[in-house]
Amino acid sequence: MVTLLALLGCTIVLVDVPCSVPPGIPPVDDTAATDCTERYPDADGDGYGDEDGATVTCDATGFSDTPGDCDDADPDVHPDALERCDGVSDACDPTWTSDDGIVTWTTADGFQDATADFAAGSDGDPAALTYDEGRVDVCAGTWFVNLTLDGARIVGTGDVVLDGGGAGPVVLVTSGENLLQGLTLTNGAGSEGGGLDTTGGSAQVDTCVITGNTAANGGGVAVHDGSDVELRATTIQANEATDSGGGLWVSGTAVLDGTELVENTARSGGGLAMSGGTLTGTEVSIRGNVASGDGGGVTGTSGRASVLSLTDSVVSTNDADAVGGVAAIDLTFTCTGSTSSDRLGIFANTSAEAKPPQMTVEGTSRVTAVDCDFANPATEEPGLVVLETGETLGFDVDADFVCTATAFE
């Protein structure tokens, strides 16, 4: 309305005349100005706001009426969120202390709770699970599982034990690129690879413990022809093979870096058995293993030509009925030590013989020693190397030689 003031003689008349809104101008919403309240900034758009930023505003854009978001930069963190194995309270629970007992599977499609799947197993009846993509984050706990991997990553946080329940290998790798990190693999059983059996693809094993597993070959780990395994800062301990390779059996390709093979047992190759494969090791410790036959520490396999290279490594304090250290059978073996250390090589291994050899060389084997230590550090006695012909030589620290089964070159 517009009020007009008219002068008619001496009379003042007020007249209300209706006015119209010009075209193109929107009407005024009188209610907007009244919707002013305390709101909370919601930068991640998850419907919950950061109460530390509370402000009175009449415009709800970018704000939420509901506080409680403890990470306003992550839309997956809010009071109604799924708790994940990620080291934070995704549900913003003020009483949260850890993610122990949670398993999360993340793929390109998002994440899902896998806790119930892992928790479904028991000793003697482990949960049989297959993962062919993504990453599985496993938080602290003991999980009875037999896992089959075909291009997946299994990462442990805290004290994570994967128990095979005595019903198969704890982890079977069949194809793809796979990762095991921060896990203990135990109580697995199989014909090969009680803890880890790789029949194809590749597996990178970082900072794991593989212990208390059994198999015919590769009580701890079996690497089959056509598969590749890299073991970094991993301990393979107290596993048993009824045939060969108490700790590790290699028919494929293996790389070891800072890894220990300790206190494993087998008929041959208490620590390591080479069976047609290739292994390259740096700073590897093969100690305290036992074989009832040959090769308390390491053995080759007759008719299965293999290649083994150990650099800055130790084969020591192993025991066997015949050869406590290395039984080089059809094995191309290189031992490379360092002149700056007298504890890198093959020494102080024992057997039933009165003068136990540290190494025997048989079949098609060819051995190269470069600064490799053979002398017993406690007695300073030279370590014996015995050829198939019976020729025997004793070597001290920093030994350099080449030999076959029939002659020292």
Protein backbone atom coordinates (compact mmCIF):
# COMPACT_ATOMS: atom_id res chain seq x y z
CA MET A 1 0.00 0.00 0.00
CA VAL A 2 1.05 3.55 -0.67
CA THR A 3 -0.50 6.31 1.38
CA LEU A 4 -1.30 9.52 -0.55
CA LEU A 5 -1.65 12.85 1.16
CA ALA A 6 -4.21 15.05 -0.63
CA LEU A 7 -4.92 18.67 0.13
CA LEU A 8 -8.54 19.49 -0.58
CA GLY A 9 -9.08 23.00 0.54
CA CYS A 10 -8.28 22.92 4.22
CA THR A 11 -9.02 19.26 4.56
CA ILE A 12 -6.24 16.67 4.69
CA VAL A 13 -7.27 13.26 3.30
CA LEU A 14 -5.16 10.15 3.65
CA VAL A 15 -5.81 7.64 0.90
CA ASP A 16 -4.31 4.11 0.81
CA VAL A 17 -3.62 3.03 -2.74
CA PRO A 18 -2.49 -0.58 -3.47
CA CYS A 19 0.96 -0.85 -5.15
CA SER A 20 2.31 -3.68 -7.29
CA VAL A 21 5.79 -5.26 -7.33
CA PRO A 22 7.61 -4.53 -10.56
CA PRO A 23 8.14 -7.57 -12.76
CA GLY A 24 11.35 -9.57 -12.17
CA ILE A 25 11.75 -8.74 -8.47
CA PRO A 26 11.14 -11.77 -6.18
CA PRO A 27 8.87 -11.38 -3.19
CA VAL A 28 10.46 -10.91 0.21
CA ASP A 29 10.41 -14.01 2.50
CA ASP A 30 9.56 -12.52 5.83
CA THR A 31 10.19 -15.87 7.58
CA ALA A 32 13.95 -16.08 6.58
CA ALA A 33 14.89 -13.34 8.92
CA THR A 34 13.21 -15.17 11.78
CA ASP A 35 15.15 -18.57 11.22
CA CYS A 36 18.21 -17.36 13.06
CA THR A 37 19.72 -19.90 15.50
CA GLU A 38 22.99 -21.39 16.72
CA ARG A 39 24.48 -23.63 14.07
CA TYR A 40 27.71 -25.59 13.58
CA PRO A 41 29.99 -25.47 10.54
CA ASP A 42 29.73 -28.69 8.47
CA ALA A 43 32.69 -28.48 6.08
CA ASP A 44 32.58 -32.16 5.07
CA GLY A 45 28.82 -32.26 4.48
CA ASP A 46 28.15 -35.33 6.62
CA GLY A 47 25.24 -33.76 8.47
CA TYR A 48 27.18 -33.12 11.67
CA GLY A 49 28.95 -29.91 12.63
CA ASP A 50 31.99 -28.85 14.60
CA GLU A 51 30.69 -27.47 17.87
CA ASP A 52 33.87 -25.49 18.40
CA GLY A 53 32.74 -23.27 15.55
CA ALA A 54 29.23 -22.67 16.85
CA THR A 55 27.71 -19.40 15.65
CA VAL A 56 24.32 -17.77 15.43
CA THR A 57 23.34 -17.48 11.77
CA CYS A 58 20.22 -17.02 9.73
CA ASP A 59 21.70 -18.84 6.72
CA ALA A 60 21.96 -22.64 7.09
CA THR A 61 24.21 -23.08 4.05
CA GLY A 62 27.41 -24.92 5.09
CA PHE A 63 26.11 -25.45 8.60
CA SER A 64 24.38 -28.21 10.55
CA ASP A 65 21.92 -27.96 13.39
CA THR A 66 23.53 -31.08 14.93
CA PRO A 67 26.93 -30.85 16.66
CA GLY A 68 29.35 -33.65 17.54
CA ASP A 69 31.62 -34.00 14.47
CA CYS A 70 35.14 -34.68 15.77
CA ASP A 71 36.76 -34.42 12.31
CA ASP A 72 34.96 -31.99 10.07
CA ALA A 73 37.37 -32.67 7.22
CA ASP A 74 36.36 -36.34 6.88
CA PRO A 75 32.77 -37.20 5.89
CA ASP A 76 33.26 -40.76 7.17
CA VAL A 77 33.87 -39.54 10.73
CA HIS A 78 30.78 -38.48 12.71
CA PRO A 79 28.65 -39.78 15.62
CA ASP A 80 26.75 -42.29 13.42
CA ALA A 81 29.80 -43.54 11.50
CA LEU A 82 30.99 -47.13 11.27
CA GLU A 83 34.01 -47.79 13.47
CA ARG A 84 36.94 -48.90 11.29
CA CYS A 85 40.36 -50.39 12.00
CA ASP A 86 42.15 -47.10 11.42
CA GLY A 87 43.41 -45.92 14.80
CA VAL A 88 40.78 -43.24 15.46
CA SER A 89 37.24 -43.12 16.80
CA ASP A 90 35.24 -42.78 13.60
CA ALA A 91 32.02 -42.51 15.63
CA CYS A 92 33.46 -39.70 17.79
CA ASP A 93 32.98 -41.76 20.95
CA PRO A 94 34.60 -39.95 23.88
CA THR A 95 35.11 -43.30 25.67
CA TRP A 96 37.02 -44.83 22.71
CA THR A 97 40.46 -46.25 23.51
CA SER A 98 41.34 -48.54 20.56
CA ASP A 99 40.06 -50.40 17.51
CA ASP A 100 41.00 -53.81 18.91
CA GLY A 101 38.75 -56.54 17.55
CA ILE A 102 37.75 -54.70 14.36
CA VAL A 103 38.41 -55.71 10.74
CA THR A 104 37.76 -53.38 7.79
CA TRP A 105 37.86 -54.23 4.09
CA THR A 106 38.40 -51.27 1.76
CA THR A 107 38.06 -51.43 -2.03
CA ALA A 108 37.54 -48.91 -4.82
CA ASP A 109 33.82 -49.04 -3.98
CA GLY A 110 34.34 -47.98 -0.36
CA PHE A 111 34.77 -49.77 2.94
CA GLN A 112 32.80 -52.39 4.80
CA ASP A 113 32.96 -54.09 8.17
CA ALA A 114 34.57 -57.54 7.86
CA THR A 115 34.72 -58.23 11.59
CA ALA A 116 31.92 -60.81 11.57
CA ASP A 117 33.58 -62.72 8.72
CA PHE A 118 36.88 -62.98 10.58
CA ALA A 119 35.20 -63.77 13.88
CA ALA A 120 33.16 -66.66 12.45
CA GLY A 121 36.07 -69.14 12.71
CA SER A 122 37.30 -71.24 15.61
CA ASP A 123 40.19 -73.57 16.39
CA GLY A 124 39.72 -76.61 14.16
CA ASP A 125 37.12 -74.80 12.08
CA PRO A 126 38.69 -71.59 10.77
CA ALA A 127 36.78 -69.16 8.57
CA ALA A 128 37.68 -69.72 4.91
CA LEU A 129 37.84 -66.26 3.31
CA THR A 130 38.95 -65.07 -0.13
CA TYR A 131 40.07 -61.54 -0.98
CA ASP A 132 40.83 -60.63 -4.57
CA GLU A 133 41.12 -56.85 -4.26
CA GLY A 134 41.60 -53.97 -1.90
CA ARG A 135 43.04 -53.76 1.58
CA VAL A 136 41.97 -55.58 4.71
CA ASP A 137 42.94 -53.78 7.92
CA VAL A 138 42.96 -56.16 10.87
CA CYS A 139 43.17 -54.77 14.38
CA ALA A 140 44.46 -56.57 17.47
CA GLY A 141 43.01 -59.96 18.25
CA THR A 142 43.32 -63.66 17.47
CA TRP A 143 41.43 -64.62 14.33
CA PHE A 144 40.92 -68.24 13.22
CA VAL A 145 41.11 -67.99 9.44
CA ASN A 146 42.34 -69.65 6.25
CA LEU A 147 42.83 -66.77 3.82
CA THR A 148 43.12 -67.09 0.03
CA LEU A 149 44.59 -64.01 -1.65
CA ASP A 150 44.39 -63.01 -5.28
CA GLY A 151 45.63 -59.43 -5.36
CA ALA A 152 44.89 -58.12 -1.86
CA ARG A 153 46.69 -56.49 1.06
CA ILE A 154 46.31 -57.70 4.65
CA VAL A 155 47.66 -55.20 7.16
CA GLY A 156 47.74 -55.74 10.90
CA THR A 157 47.61 -53.07 13.58
CA GLY A 158 48.65 -54.03 17.09
CA ASP A 159 49.04 -57.66 18.17
CA VAL A 160 47.30 -59.46 15.31
CA VAL A 161 47.38 -63.26 15.25
CA LEU A 162 46.01 -65.17 12.27
CA ASP A 163 45.53 -68.76 13.48
CA GLY A 164 45.03 -71.42 10.81
CA GLY A 165 43.15 -73.63 13.24
CA GLY A 166 45.30 -76.60 12.20
CA ALA A 167 43.08 -77.00 9.15
CA GLY A 168 45.16 -75.65 6.25
CA PRO A 169 47.71 -72.97 5.45
CA VAL A 170 47.02 -69.73 7.25
CA VAL A 171 47.47 -67.80 4.00
CA LEU A 172 47.35 -69.18 0.46
CA VAL A 173 48.47 -66.85 -2.35
CA THR A 174 47.23 -67.95 -5.77
CA SER A 175 47.75 -64.97 -8.08
CA GLY A 176 48.10 -61.20 -8.29
CA GLU A 177 50.25 -58.88 -6.19
CA ASN A 178 49.69 -59.33 -2.47
CA LEU A 179 50.94 -57.87 0.79
CA LEU A 180 51.13 -59.24 4.33
CA GLN A 181 52.24 -56.74 6.96
CA GLY A 182 52.38 -56.69 10.75
CA LEU A 183 50.88 -60.16 11.25
CA THR A 184 51.62 -63.35 13.17
CA LEU A 185 50.78 -66.49 11.18
CA THR A 186 50.48 -69.59 13.34
CA ASN A 187 48.92 -73.05 13.68
CA GLY A 188 48.66 -73.62 9.95
CA ALA A 189 49.01 -77.09 8.45
CA GLY A 190 49.32 -78.35 4.90
CA SER A 191 51.32 -80.38 2.43
CA GLU A 192 53.35 -77.26 1.62
CA GLY A 193 53.61 -73.96 3.44
CA GLY A 194 51.85 -74.32 6.76
CA GLY A 195 52.02 -70.58 7.50
CA LEU A 196 52.21 -69.16 3.98
CA ASP A 197 51.81 -71.13 0.76
CA THR A 198 52.36 -69.30 -2.53
CA THR A 199 51.32 -71.25 -5.63
CA GLY A 200 51.23 -68.27 -8.00
CA GLY A 201 51.44 -64.51 -8.14
CA SER A 202 53.62 -62.59 -5.70
CA ALA A 203 53.63 -61.82 -2.01
CA GLN A 204 55.49 -59.15 -0.10
CA VAL A 205 55.81 -60.03 3.58
CA ASP A 206 56.81 -57.18 5.88
CA THR A 207 57.50 -57.30 9.63
CA CYS A 208 55.64 -60.55 10.18
CA VAL A 209 56.19 -63.51 12.50
CA ILE A 210 55.55 -66.97 11.06
CA THR A 211 55.67 -69.53 13.85
CA GLY A 212 54.23 -72.84 15.05
CA ASN A 213 53.15 -74.14 11.61
CA THR A 214 53.60 -77.59 10.06
CA ALA A 215 53.82 -79.05 6.55
CA ALA A 216 55.58 -81.75 4.58
CA ASN A 217 57.70 -79.10 2.83
CA GLY A 218 58.08 -75.54 4.03
CA GLY A 219 56.75 -75.77 7.54
CA GLY A 220 56.69 -71.98 7.75
CA VAL A 221 56.67 -70.82 4.12
CA ALA A 222 56.56 -72.57 0.73
CA VAL A 223 57.42 -70.70 -2.47
CA HIS A 224 56.29 -72.72 -5.48
CA ASP A 225 57.62 -72.57 -9.03
CA GLY A 226 55.97 -69.62 -10.77
CA SER A 227 55.56 -67.54 -7.63
CA ASP A 228 57.65 -64.74 -6.09
CA VAL A 229 57.99 -63.90 -2.41
CA GLU A 230 59.85 -61.07 -0.73
CA LEU A 231 60.39 -61.36 3.03
CA ARG A 232 61.45 -58.18 4.83
CA ALA A 233 62.25 -57.91 8.54
CA THR A 234 60.30 -61.11 9.12
CA THR A 235 60.93 -63.91 11.60
CA ILE A 236 60.26 -67.54 10.63
CA GLN A 237 60.58 -69.47 13.86
CA ALA A 238 59.73 -72.84 15.43
CA ASN A 239 58.00 -74.34 12.40
CA GLU A 240 58.26 -78.01 11.40
CA ALA A 241 58.48 -79.86 8.09
CA THR A 242 58.22 -83.62 8.01
CA ASP A 243 60.31 -83.62 4.82
CA SER A 244 62.34 -80.51 3.91
CA GLY A 245 62.53 -76.82 4.71
CA GLY A 246 61.42 -76.49 8.30
CA GLY A 247 61.38 -72.71 8.00
CA LEU A 248 61.36 -72.06 4.25
CA TRP A 249 61.11 -74.20 1.11
CA VAL A 250 61.89 -72.50 -2.22
CA SER A 251 60.98 -73.82 -5.65
CA GLY A 252 60.17 -70.39 -7.10
CA THR A 253 61.84 -67.02 -6.50
CA ALA A 254 62.50 -65.54 -3.07
CA VAL A 255 64.18 -62.38 -1.80
CA LEU A 256 65.04 -62.07 1.90
CA ASP A 257 66.09 -58.83 3.57
CA GLY A 258 66.75 -58.66 7.30
CA THR A 259 64.89 -61.91 7.86
CA GLU A 260 65.48 -64.65 10.44
CA LEU A 261 65.07 -68.42 10.07
CA VAL A 262 65.45 -69.71 13.62
CA GLU A 263 64.68 -72.85 15.61
CA ASN A 264 62.85 -74.67 12.82
CA THR A 265 63.04 -78.45 12.32
CA ALA A 266 62.87 -80.80 9.34
CA ARG A 267 64.25 -84.06 8.00
CA SER A 268 66.53 -82.00 5.74
CA GLY A 269 67.09 -78.27 5.58
CA GLY A 270 66.01 -77.37 9.09
CA GLY A 271 66.10 -73.67 8.26
CA LEU A 272 66.00 -73.55 4.45
CA ALA A 273 65.54 -76.06 1.65
CA MET A 274 66.23 -75.08 -1.97
CA SER A 275 64.31 -77.18 -4.48
CA GLY A 276 64.82 -75.78 -7.97
CA GLY A 277 64.34 -72.16 -6.99
CA THR A 278 66.35 -68.97 -6.63
CA LEU A 279 66.92 -67.09 -3.38
CA THR A 280 68.78 -63.83 -2.84
CA GLY A 281 69.33 -62.87 0.77
CA THR A 282 70.85 -59.86 2.54
CA GLU A 283 71.40 -59.74 6.30
CA VAL A 284 69.72 -63.10 6.75
CA SER A 285 70.17 -65.03 10.00
CA ILE A 286 69.80 -68.83 9.86
CA ARG A 287 70.37 -70.02 13.44
CA GLY A 288 69.42 -72.80 15.80
CA ASN A 289 67.65 -74.97 13.24
CA VAL A 290 67.73 -78.77 13.38
CA ALA A 291 67.60 -81.47 10.70
CA SER A 292 67.45 -85.18 11.37
CA GLY A 293 69.29 -85.74 8.07
CA ASP A 294 71.37 -83.22 6.09
CA GLY A 295 71.59 -79.46 6.29
CA GLY A 296 70.66 -78.22 9.73
CA GLY A 297 70.84 -74.71 8.33
CA VAL A 298 70.49 -75.09 4.54
CA THR A 299 70.15 -77.89 2.03
CA GLY A 300 69.83 -78.22 -1.72
CA THR A 301 67.78 -80.97 -3.38
CA SER A 302 69.20 -83.67 -5.58
CA GLY A 303 68.09 -83.28 -9.19
CA ARG A 304 66.61 -79.84 -8.50
CA ALA A 305 69.29 -77.31 -9.46
CA SER A 306 68.95 -74.17 -7.37
CA VAL A 307 70.66 -70.81 -6.93
CA LEU A 308 71.36 -69.30 -3.51
CA SER A 309 73.15 -66.05 -2.72
CA LEU A 310 73.67 -64.83 0.84
CA THR A 311 75.30 -61.45 1.56
CA ASP A 312 76.24 -60.21 5.04
CA SER A 313 74.39 -63.19 6.44
CA VAL A 314 74.91 -65.84 9.09
CA VAL A 315 74.42 -69.64 9.05
CA SER A 316 75.36 -70.62 12.58
CA THR A 317 74.54 -72.87 15.58
CA ASN A 318 72.44 -75.20 13.46
CA ASP A 319 72.57 -78.95 14.00
CA ALA A 320 72.01 -82.06 11.88
CA ASP A 321 72.85 -85.72 11.87
CA ALA A 322 75.28 -85.24 8.95
CA VAL A 323 75.89 -81.59 8.00
CA GLY A 324 74.94 -78.93 10.49
CA GLY A 325 75.60 -75.90 8.28
CA VAL A 326 75.07 -76.06 4.50
CA ALA A 327 74.52 -79.21 2.46
CA ALA A 328 75.20 -77.85 -1.03
CA ILE A 329 73.44 -80.41 -3.22
CA ASP A 330 73.00 -79.33 -6.86
CA LEU A 331 73.32 -75.80 -5.57
CA THR A 332 75.01 -72.75 -7.05
CA PHE A 333 75.86 -70.95 -3.85
CA THR A 334 77.59 -67.63 -3.18
CA CYS A 335 78.51 -66.53 0.34
CA THR A 336 79.64 -62.90 0.56
CA GLY A 337 80.77 -61.48 3.88
CA SER A 338 82.79 -58.46 4.93
CA THR A 339 86.35 -57.88 6.07
CA SER A 340 85.01 -55.54 8.73
CA SER A 341 83.21 -58.39 10.54
CA ASP A 342 84.22 -61.91 11.60
CA ARG A 343 80.64 -63.03 12.12
CA LEU A 344 79.28 -63.17 8.57
CA GLY A 345 79.41 -66.62 7.05
CA ILE A 346 79.00 -70.31 7.98
CA PHE A 347 80.37 -71.31 11.35
CA ALA A 348 79.76 -73.02 14.70
CA ASN A 349 77.30 -75.54 13.24
CA THR A 350 77.29 -79.03 14.72
CA SER A 351 76.56 -82.60 13.68
CA ALA A 352 77.06 -86.14 14.86
CA GLU A 353 80.51 -86.33 13.27
CA ALA A 354 83.61 -85.92 15.42
CA LYS A 355 84.80 -83.07 13.22
CA PRO A 356 81.60 -81.65 11.84
CA PRO A 357 81.88 -79.98 8.43
CA GLN A 358 80.39 -76.53 8.05
CA MET A 359 79.56 -77.29 4.44
CA THR A 360 79.50 -80.25 2.06
CA VAL A 361 79.50 -79.86 -1.73
CA GLU A 362 77.80 -82.49 -3.89
CA GLY A 363 76.36 -83.12 -7.35
CA THR A 364 76.41 -80.19 -9.77
CA SER A 365 77.09 -77.63 -7.04
CA ARG A 366 79.44 -74.71 -7.45
CA VAL A 367 80.34 -72.64 -4.38
CA THR A 368 81.91 -69.17 -4.34
CA ALA A 369 83.09 -67.64 -1.06
CA VAL A 370 84.00 -63.95 -0.84
CA ASP A 371 85.17 -62.75 2.59
CA CYS A 372 82.99 -65.50 4.04
CA ASP A 373 83.77 -66.49 7.64
CA PHE A 374 84.13 -70.20 8.48
CA ALA A 375 86.17 -70.19 11.71
CA ASN A 376 84.41 -70.93 14.97
CA PRO A 377 84.49 -67.63 16.90
CA ALA A 378 84.62 -69.44 20.25
CA THR A 379 87.49 -71.83 19.47
CA GLU A 380 89.03 -70.06 16.45
CA GLU A 381 89.21 -73.45 14.74
CA PRO A 382 88.90 -73.37 10.94
CA GLY A 383 85.59 -74.47 9.48
CA LEU A 384 85.72 -77.58 7.28
CA VAL A 385 84.42 -77.73 3.73
CA VAL A 386 84.10 -81.29 2.38
CA LEU A 387 83.73 -82.13 -1.30
CA GLU A 388 81.93 -85.16 -2.67
CA THR A 389 85.35 -86.63 -3.51
CA GLY A 390 86.26 -86.51 0.15
CA GLU A 391 88.74 -83.68 -0.27
CA THR A 392 88.56 -81.46 2.80
CA LEU A 393 89.92 -78.02 3.53
CA GLY A 394 89.62 -75.81 6.59
CA PHE A 395 88.92 -72.10 6.21
CA ASP A 396 89.32 -69.19 8.59
CA VAL A 397 87.59 -65.81 8.57
CA ASP A 398 87.29 -63.79 5.34
CA ALA A 399 87.72 -66.91 3.21
CA ASP A 400 87.90 -66.56 -0.57
CA PHE A 401 87.58 -69.67 -2.72
CA VAL A 402 85.68 -71.37 -5.50
CA CYS A 403 84.91 -75.07 -5.60
CA THR A 404 82.77 -77.72 -7.23
CA ALA A 405 81.90 -81.15 -5.89
CA THR A 406 85.15 -82.50 -7.29
CA ALA A 407 87.80 -79.81 -6.75
CA PHE A 408 88.81 -76.53 -5.15
CA GLU A 409 89.71 -74.08 -7.89
